[in-house]
Amino acid sequence: MTTGIEYEIRTLADFEKIPPNKLQSCLDDFRFWLLLIKTTESMPEVVCDALGVADSQIEFDRESFVWIDDGIAGLGDIAFTVDGAEIGRVKFCEHQA
């Protein structure tokens, strides 16, 4: 699991919680997240198989975005939940500190 300060973004005003010197990093990750949810109709079968769930059970949370200030550019992983409980994570890349 990635460590760092977590910021939950539910409204535009929530971006004000991000320190000014970190805002660009947050916005870059937010942009990637938006592209990801817009271009993914359904989760790839291999991800669902790995998590042991049916494709229809997994949806992206379109109500909020959690940005973790880990000092590393880009999304390191994404958490998947079913009924609010995390069921697994998929890594996008190996981060080096």
C-alpha atoms as a PDB file:
ATOM      1  CA  MET A   1       0.000   0.000   0.000  1.00  0.00           C
ATOM      2  CA  THR A   2       1.210   3.477  -0.859  1.00  0.00           C
ATOM      3  CA  THR A   3       1.917   5.718   2.120  1.00  0.00           C
ATOM      4  CA  GLY A   4       1.557   9.475   2.426  1.00  0.00           C
ATOM      5  CA  ILE A   5      -0.986  12.087   3.380  1.00  0.00           C
ATOM      6  CA  GLU A   6      -4.394  11.312   1.854  1.00  0.00           C
ATOM      7  CA  TYR A   7      -6.706  14.004   0.508  1.00  0.00           C
ATOM      8  CA  GLU A   8     -10.277  13.091  -0.391  1.00  0.00           C
ATOM      9  CA  ILE A   9     -11.657  15.222  -3.222  1.00  0.00           C
ATOM     10  CA  ARG A  10     -15.473  15.276  -3.269  1.00  0.00           C
ATOM     11  CA  THR A  11     -16.029  18.902  -4.358  1.00  0.00           C
ATOM     12  CA  LEU A  12     -13.948  21.519  -6.150  1.00  0.00           C
ATOM     13  CA  ALA A  13     -13.453  23.254  -2.796  1.00  0.00           C
ATOM     14  CA  ASP A  14     -11.601  20.149  -1.576  1.00  0.00           C
ATOM     15  CA  PHE A  15      -8.716  21.008  -3.909  1.00  0.00           C
ATOM     16  CA  GLU A  16      -8.037  23.951  -1.561  1.00  0.00           C
ATOM     17  CA  LYS A  17      -6.771  21.418   1.010  1.00  0.00           C
ATOM     18  CA  ILE A  18      -3.842  20.557  -1.263  1.00  0.00           C
ATOM     19  CA  PRO A  19      -0.688  22.547  -0.452  1.00  0.00           C
ATOM     20  CA  PRO A  20       0.029  25.025  -3.286  1.00  0.00           C
ATOM     21  CA  ASN A  21       3.374  23.411  -4.098  1.00  0.00           C
ATOM     22  CA  LYS A  22       1.660  19.996  -4.509  1.00  0.00           C
ATOM     23  CA  LEU A  23      -1.384  21.093  -6.513  1.00  0.00           C
ATOM     24  CA  GLN A  24       0.109  20.395  -9.958  1.00  0.00           C
ATOM     25  CA  SER A  25       1.015  16.822  -8.950  1.00  0.00           C
ATOM     26  CA  CYS A  26      -2.492  16.274  -7.616  1.00  0.00           C
ATOM     27  CA  LEU A  27      -4.083  17.666 -10.784  1.00  0.00           C
ATOM     28  CA  ASP A  28      -1.847  15.497 -12.978  1.00  0.00           C
ATOM     29  CA  ASP A  29      -2.963  12.369 -11.088  1.00  0.00           C
ATOM     30  CA  PHE A  30      -6.595  13.529 -11.139  1.00  0.00           C
ATOM     31  CA  ARG A  31      -6.398  13.972 -14.918  1.00  0.00           C
ATOM     32  CA  PHE A  32      -5.060  10.427 -15.307  1.00  0.00           C
ATOM     33  CA  TRP A  33      -7.858   9.105 -13.063  1.00  0.00           C
ATOM     34  CA  LEU A  34     -10.494  10.929 -15.151  1.00  0.00           C
ATOM     35  CA  LEU A  35      -9.090   9.470 -18.363  1.00  0.00           C
ATOM     36  CA  LEU A  36      -9.053   6.026 -16.801  1.00  0.00           C
ATOM     37  CA  ILE A  37     -12.706   6.064 -15.770  1.00  0.00           C
ATOM     38  CA  LYS A  38     -13.813   7.627 -19.075  1.00  0.00           C
ATOM     39  CA  THR A  39     -12.058   5.047 -21.241  1.00  0.00           C
ATOM     40  CA  THR A  40     -12.841   1.916 -19.239  1.00  0.00           C
ATOM     41  CA  GLU A  41     -16.263   0.506 -20.094  1.00  0.00           C
ATOM     42  CA  SER A  42     -15.725  -2.566 -17.942  1.00  0.00           C
ATOM     43  CA  MET A  43     -12.828  -4.042 -16.078  1.00  0.00           C
ATOM     44  CA  PRO A  44     -10.619  -6.437 -18.009  1.00  0.00           C
ATOM     45  CA  GLU A  45     -11.506 -10.038 -17.326  1.00  0.00           C
ATOM     46  CA  VAL A  46      -8.025 -10.778 -16.009  1.00  0.00           C
ATOM     47  CA  VAL A  47      -8.403  -8.138 -13.234  1.00  0.00           C
ATOM     48  CA  CYS A  48     -11.761  -9.548 -12.159  1.00  0.00           C
ATOM     49  CA  ASP A  49     -10.362 -13.082 -12.183  1.00  0.00           C
ATOM     50  CA  ALA A  50      -7.391 -11.983 -10.072  1.00  0.00           C
ATOM     51  CA  LEU A  51      -9.695 -10.312  -7.549  1.00  0.00           C
ATOM     52  CA  GLY A  52     -12.162 -13.194  -7.572  1.00  0.00           C
ATOM     53  CA  VAL A  53     -15.210 -11.115  -8.480  1.00  0.00           C
ATOM     54  CA  ALA A  54     -17.626 -10.816 -11.360  1.00  0.00           C
ATOM     55  CA  ASP A  55     -17.063  -7.920 -13.756  1.00  0.00           C
ATOM     56  CA  SER A  56     -20.510  -6.524 -12.920  1.00  0.00           C
ATOM     57  CA  GLN A  57     -19.546  -6.080  -9.243  1.00  0.00           C
ATOM     58  CA  ILE A  58     -16.750  -3.588  -9.902  1.00  0.00           C
ATOM     59  CA  GLU A  59     -17.411   0.062 -10.617  1.00  0.00           C
ATOM     60  CA  PHE A  60     -15.210   3.133 -10.407  1.00  0.00           C
ATOM     61  CA  ASP A  61     -16.140   5.524  -7.614  1.00  0.00           C
ATOM     62  CA  ARG A  62     -17.246   8.574  -9.566  1.00  0.00           C
ATOM     63  CA  GLU A  63     -18.220  10.483  -6.414  1.00  0.00           C
ATOM     64  CA  SER A  64     -14.745  11.077  -5.025  1.00  0.00           C
ATOM     65  CA  PHE A  65     -11.034  10.898  -5.747  1.00  0.00           C
ATOM     66  CA  VAL A  66      -8.430  10.187  -3.070  1.00  0.00           C
ATOM     67  CA  TRP A  67      -5.032  11.665  -3.810  1.00  0.00           C
ATOM     68  CA  ILE A  68      -2.084  10.378  -1.785  1.00  0.00           C
ATOM     69  CA  ASP A  69       0.806  12.801  -1.451  1.00  0.00           C
ATOM     70  CA  ASP A  70       3.549  10.195  -1.665  1.00  0.00           C
ATOM     71  CA  GLY A  71       6.056  12.417  -3.481  1.00  0.00           C
ATOM     72  CA  ILE A  72       5.941  10.208  -6.576  1.00  0.00           C
ATOM     73  CA  ALA A  73       4.461  11.335  -9.889  1.00  0.00           C
ATOM     74  CA  GLY A  74       1.684   9.228 -11.342  1.00  0.00           C
ATOM     75  CA  LEU A  75      -0.723   6.655  -9.989  1.00  0.00           C
ATOM     76  CA  GLY A  76       1.067   3.759  -8.341  1.00  0.00           C
ATOM     77  CA  ASP A  77      -1.971   1.600  -7.759  1.00  0.00           C
ATOM     78  CA  ILE A  78      -5.731   1.624  -7.726  1.00  0.00           C
ATOM     79  CA  ALA A  79      -7.930   0.102  -5.052  1.00  0.00           C
ATOM     80  CA  PHE A  80     -11.029  -1.878  -5.959  1.00  0.00           C
ATOM     81  CA  THR A  81     -14.006  -2.057  -3.632  1.00  0.00           C
ATOM     82  CA  VAL A  82     -17.272  -3.942  -3.530  1.00  0.00           C
ATOM     83  CA  ASP A  83     -19.977  -2.537  -1.256  1.00  0.00           C
ATOM     84  CA  GLY A  84     -17.447  -0.138   0.283  1.00  0.00           C
ATOM     85  CA  ALA A  85     -14.919  -2.814   1.289  1.00  0.00           C
ATOM     86  CA  GLU A  86     -11.545  -2.955  -0.428  1.00  0.00           C
ATOM     87  CA  ILE A  87     -11.117  -6.296  -2.168  1.00  0.00           C
ATOM     88  CA  GLY A  88      -7.768  -5.720  -3.826  1.00  0.00           C
ATOM     89  CA  ARG A  89      -5.298  -3.394  -5.496  1.00  0.00           C
ATOM     90  CA  VAL A  90      -3.692  -3.382  -8.894  1.00  0.00           C
ATOM     91  CA  LYS A  91      -0.273  -1.802  -9.322  1.00  0.00           C
ATOM     92  CA  PHE A  92       0.343   0.375 -12.360  1.00  0.00           C
ATOM     93  CA  CYS A  93       4.102   0.538 -11.958  1.00  0.00           C
ATOM     94  CA  GLU A  94       6.917   0.034  -9.489  1.00  0.00           C
ATOM     95  CA  HIS A  95       7.763   3.296  -7.809  1.00  0.00           C
ATOM     96  CA  GLN A  96      11.244   4.099  -6.668  1.00  0.00           C
ATOM     97  CA  ALA A  97      11.702   6.448  -3.754  1.00  0.00           C
END
